[in-house]
Amino acid sequence: MININPQWLSAFVTRNERRSFTRAAEKRGITQAAVSQHLRYLETRFGLLIVRKKGQFDLTPTGKVLLDYCREIGQADERLALRLTENDEDHGDISLITPGSIGLRCYSLYSNNVLD
């Protein structure tokens, strides 16, 4: 199993989506220097990921493979979350039809007991 820091991968994906280190940093809530550092860590491990040409950034073949891997990981995370909630008897949708005054009272009791 490959052990890669998920924050580095997230910075790489966001940089690719936003096409800018600065916009990626803003989206992630970190500094531009941190995004650059995360990509440097990945490039130290995997080789060159991004090439700058005339003010534009292009992914290298290795960068494209890593981006595909990140997408696969994201999809796997979503599938896991779905599978875990499908089998959880304490989760699901509830529908109630009541007169307004009863509904407001029931919701108040529900929200105080369950949502807290």
C-alpha atoms as a PDB file:
ATOM      1  CA  MET A   1       0.000   0.000   0.000  1.00  0.00           C
ATOM      2  CA  ILE A   2       1.259   3.449  -0.896  1.00  0.00           C
ATOM      3  CA  ASN A   3       1.410   5.778   2.084  1.00  0.00           C
ATOM      4  CA  ILE A   4       0.939   9.349   0.833  1.00  0.00           C
ATOM      5  CA  ASN A   5      -0.131  12.313   2.921  1.00  0.00           C
ATOM      6  CA  PRO A   6      -3.760  13.046   1.915  1.00  0.00           C
ATOM      7  CA  GLN A   7      -3.204  16.795   2.365  1.00  0.00           C
ATOM      8  CA  TRP A   8      -0.488  16.711  -0.295  1.00  0.00           C
ATOM      9  CA  LEU A   9      -2.808  14.889  -2.687  1.00  0.00           C
ATOM     10  CA  SER A  10      -5.634  17.278  -1.946  1.00  0.00           C
ATOM     11  CA  ALA A  11      -3.384  20.260  -2.665  1.00  0.00           C
ATOM     12  CA  PHE A  12      -2.333  18.657  -5.955  1.00  0.00           C
ATOM     13  CA  VAL A  13      -5.934  18.015  -7.024  1.00  0.00           C
ATOM     14  CA  THR A  14      -7.082  21.495  -6.018  1.00  0.00           C
ATOM     15  CA  ARG A  15      -4.138  23.101  -7.836  1.00  0.00           C
ATOM     16  CA  ASN A  16      -5.134  21.187 -10.950  1.00  0.00           C
ATOM     17  CA  GLU A  17      -8.819  22.120 -10.627  1.00  0.00           C
ATOM     18  CA  ARG A  18      -8.132  25.814  -9.958  1.00  0.00           C
ATOM     19  CA  ARG A  19      -5.196  26.033 -12.408  1.00  0.00           C
ATOM     20  CA  SER A  20      -3.397  28.266  -9.906  1.00  0.00           C
ATOM     21  CA  PHE A  21      -1.339  27.818  -6.766  1.00  0.00           C
ATOM     22  CA  THR A  22      -2.867  30.946  -5.246  1.00  0.00           C
ATOM     23  CA  ARG A  23      -6.483  29.922  -5.943  1.00  0.00           C
ATOM     24  CA  ALA A  24      -5.737  26.409  -4.697  1.00  0.00           C
ATOM     25  CA  ALA A  25      -4.383  27.869  -1.464  1.00  0.00           C
ATOM     26  CA  GLU A  26      -7.477  30.032  -1.028  1.00  0.00           C
ATOM     27  CA  LYS A  27      -9.764  27.040  -1.611  1.00  0.00           C
ATOM     28  CA  ARG A  28      -7.823  24.849   0.852  1.00  0.00           C
ATOM     29  CA  GLY A  29      -7.458  27.594   3.468  1.00  0.00           C
ATOM     30  CA  ILE A  30      -3.671  27.376   3.464  1.00  0.00           C
ATOM     31  CA  THR A  31      -0.869  29.542   2.110  1.00  0.00           C
ATOM     32  CA  GLN A  32       0.381  29.472  -1.462  1.00  0.00           C
ATOM     33  CA  ALA A  33       3.761  28.424  -0.074  1.00  0.00           C
ATOM     34  CA  ALA A  34       2.140  25.401   1.600  1.00  0.00           C
ATOM     35  CA  VAL A  35       0.542  24.303  -1.705  1.00  0.00           C
ATOM     36  CA  SER A  36       3.932  24.629  -3.414  1.00  0.00           C
ATOM     37  CA  GLN A  37       5.611  22.681  -0.619  1.00  0.00           C
ATOM     38  CA  HIS A  38       3.023  19.874  -0.807  1.00  0.00           C
ATOM     39  CA  LEU A  39       3.654  19.554  -4.531  1.00  0.00           C
ATOM     40  CA  ARG A  40       7.419  19.542  -3.947  1.00  0.00           C
ATOM     41  CA  TYR A  41       6.993  16.633  -1.508  1.00  0.00           C
ATOM     42  CA  LEU A  42       4.995  14.724  -4.125  1.00  0.00           C
ATOM     43  CA  GLU A  43       7.551  15.513  -6.840  1.00  0.00           C
ATOM     44  CA  THR A  44      10.364  14.334  -4.578  1.00  0.00           C
ATOM     45  CA  ARG A  45       8.590  11.006  -4.351  1.00  0.00           C
ATOM     46  CA  PHE A  46       7.196  10.590  -7.872  1.00  0.00           C
ATOM     47  CA  GLY A  47       9.161  12.936 -10.127  1.00  0.00           C
ATOM     48  CA  LEU A  48       8.038  15.977 -12.099  1.00  0.00           C
ATOM     49  CA  LEU A  49       4.237  16.430 -11.996  1.00  0.00           C
ATOM     50  CA  ILE A  50       3.672  19.886 -13.483  1.00  0.00           C
ATOM     51  CA  VAL A  51       5.471  21.747 -16.285  1.00  0.00           C
ATOM     52  CA  ARG A  52       5.136  25.498 -16.717  1.00  0.00           C
ATOM     53  CA  LYS A  53       4.858  26.718 -20.314  1.00  0.00           C
ATOM     54  CA  LYS A  54       4.270  30.368 -21.203  1.00  0.00           C
ATOM     55  CA  GLY A  55       2.418  31.211 -17.986  1.00  0.00           C
ATOM     56  CA  GLN A  56       0.431  27.984 -18.143  1.00  0.00           C
ATOM     57  CA  PHE A  57       0.791  24.780 -16.147  1.00  0.00           C
ATOM     58  CA  ASP A  58       0.504  21.374 -17.807  1.00  0.00           C
ATOM     59  CA  LEU A  59       0.516  17.982 -16.130  1.00  0.00           C
ATOM     60  CA  THR A  60       3.297  15.595 -17.034  1.00  0.00           C
ATOM     61  CA  PRO A  61       2.381  11.971 -17.806  1.00  0.00           C
ATOM     62  CA  THR A  62       3.257  11.184 -14.172  1.00  0.00           C
ATOM     63  CA  GLY A  63       1.038  14.063 -13.011  1.00  0.00           C
ATOM     64  CA  LYS A  64      -1.860  12.671 -15.048  1.00  0.00           C
ATOM     65  CA  VAL A  65      -1.407   9.232 -13.486  1.00  0.00           C
ATOM     66  CA  LEU A  66      -1.321  10.755  -9.992  1.00  0.00           C
ATOM     67  CA  LEU A  67      -4.439  12.843 -10.712  1.00  0.00           C
ATOM     68  CA  ASP A  68      -6.272   9.699 -11.889  1.00  0.00           C
ATOM     69  CA  TYR A  69      -5.155   7.955  -8.692  1.00  0.00           C
ATOM     70  CA  CYS A  70      -6.494  10.846  -6.591  1.00  0.00           C
ATOM     71  CA  ARG A  71      -9.852  10.619  -8.355  1.00  0.00           C
ATOM     72  CA  GLU A  72      -9.986   6.869  -7.740  1.00  0.00           C
ATOM     73  CA  ILE A  73      -9.258   7.431  -4.052  1.00  0.00           C
ATOM     74  CA  GLY A  74     -12.034  10.045  -3.882  1.00  0.00           C
ATOM     75  CA  GLN A  75     -14.504   7.655  -5.491  1.00  0.00           C
ATOM     76  CA  ALA A  76     -13.444   4.868  -3.127  1.00  0.00           C
ATOM     77  CA  ASP A  77     -14.002   7.198  -0.150  1.00  0.00           C
ATOM     78  CA  GLU A  78     -17.512   7.985  -1.394  1.00  0.00           C
ATOM     79  CA  ARG A  79     -18.307   4.280  -1.913  1.00  0.00           C
ATOM     80  CA  LEU A  80     -17.066   3.448   1.585  1.00  0.00           C
ATOM     81  CA  ALA A  81     -19.160   6.191   3.175  1.00  0.00           C
ATOM     82  CA  LEU A  82     -22.220   5.000   1.271  1.00  0.00           C
ATOM     83  CA  ARG A  83     -21.690   1.367   2.249  1.00  0.00           C
ATOM     84  CA  LEU A  84     -21.197   2.255   5.890  1.00  0.00           C
ATOM     85  CA  THR A  85     -24.392   4.314   6.062  1.00  0.00           C
ATOM     86  CA  GLU A  86     -26.458   1.781   4.083  1.00  0.00           C
ATOM     87  CA  ASN A  87     -25.966  -0.833   6.790  1.00  0.00           C
ATOM     88  CA  ASP A  88     -26.431   1.537   9.703  1.00  0.00           C
ATOM     89  CA  GLU A  89     -29.876   1.066  11.226  1.00  0.00           C
ATOM     90  CA  ASP A  90     -29.629   4.444  12.985  1.00  0.00           C
ATOM     91  CA  HIS A  91     -29.511   6.402   9.713  1.00  0.00           C
ATOM     92  CA  GLY A  92     -32.162   7.024   7.106  1.00  0.00           C
ATOM     93  CA  ASP A  93     -34.981   9.265   6.031  1.00  0.00           C
ATOM     94  CA  ILE A  94     -38.065   9.881   8.129  1.00  0.00           C
ATOM     95  CA  SER A  95     -41.273  11.363   6.778  1.00  0.00           C
ATOM     96  CA  LEU A  96     -44.079  12.607   8.995  1.00  0.00           C
ATOM     97  CA  ILE A  97     -47.326  14.313   8.082  1.00  0.00           C
ATOM     98  CA  THR A  98     -48.965  16.192  10.937  1.00  0.00           C
ATOM     99  CA  PRO A  99     -51.053  19.270  11.549  1.00  0.00           C
ATOM    100  CA  GLY A 100     -48.798  22.320  11.876  1.00  0.00           C
ATOM    101  CA  SER A 101     -49.057  22.772  15.648  1.00  0.00           C
ATOM    102  CA  ILE A 102     -48.285  19.118  16.364  1.00  0.00           C
ATOM    103  CA  GLY A 103     -45.458  19.095  13.823  1.00  0.00           C
ATOM    104  CA  LEU A 104     -43.810  22.101  15.418  1.00  0.00           C
ATOM    105  CA  ARG A 105     -44.022  20.508  18.855  1.00  0.00           C
ATOM    106  CA  CYS A 106     -42.700  17.141  17.615  1.00  0.00           C
ATOM    107  CA  TYR A 107     -39.839  18.812  15.751  1.00  0.00           C
ATOM    108  CA  SER A 108     -38.902  20.780  18.844  1.00  0.00           C
ATOM    109  CA  LEU A 109     -38.739  17.581  20.925  1.00  0.00           C
ATOM    110  CA  TYR A 110     -36.881  15.724  18.175  1.00  0.00           C
ATOM    111  CA  SER A 111     -34.293  18.433  17.631  1.00  0.00           C
ATOM    112  CA  ASN A 112     -33.608  18.757  21.365  1.00  0.00           C
ATOM    113  CA  ASN A 113     -33.124  15.002  21.836  1.00  0.00           C
ATOM    114  CA  VAL A 114     -31.591  13.799  18.592  1.00  0.00           C
ATOM    115  CA  LEU A 115     -29.751  16.679  16.967  1.00  0.00           C
ATOM    116  CA  ASP A 116     -27.819  17.764  20.063  1.00  0.00           C
END
